[in-house]
């Protein structure tokens, strides 16, 4: 009979913070994403968790702007662009287009003159 040793390992937990922007990447988006990642790390992350990862998905991006915007960040973050128009027609029909997303988000936001519920 052969002996086997089994090393128990804690499950690995990684939290992702994903932000979706419908337009072109702006450098301030990286700062806001970094804020969200830091907040999640502070409020939710435990000692046995991996670092929180921030992912920003936007309509278009300039690689140089992204590189400078993320260059000094200490948190793991990435920026990706999506291209709705280049998806196959069947995929486009299955997903909301930019106009639908913007309308849904505008509908969900309170009017400027109206106070937010407490």
Foldseek 3Di string as FASTA:
>chain_A
DDDDDDDDDDDEAEAEAEAEEAAEDDLVVLVVQLVVQVVCCVPPDDPRYDRYEYEYEYAYYDVVSVCVSCVPPPGHYYYYYDHLVPDPPVVNVVDDDPVVVVVVVVVPDDDPVDDDDD
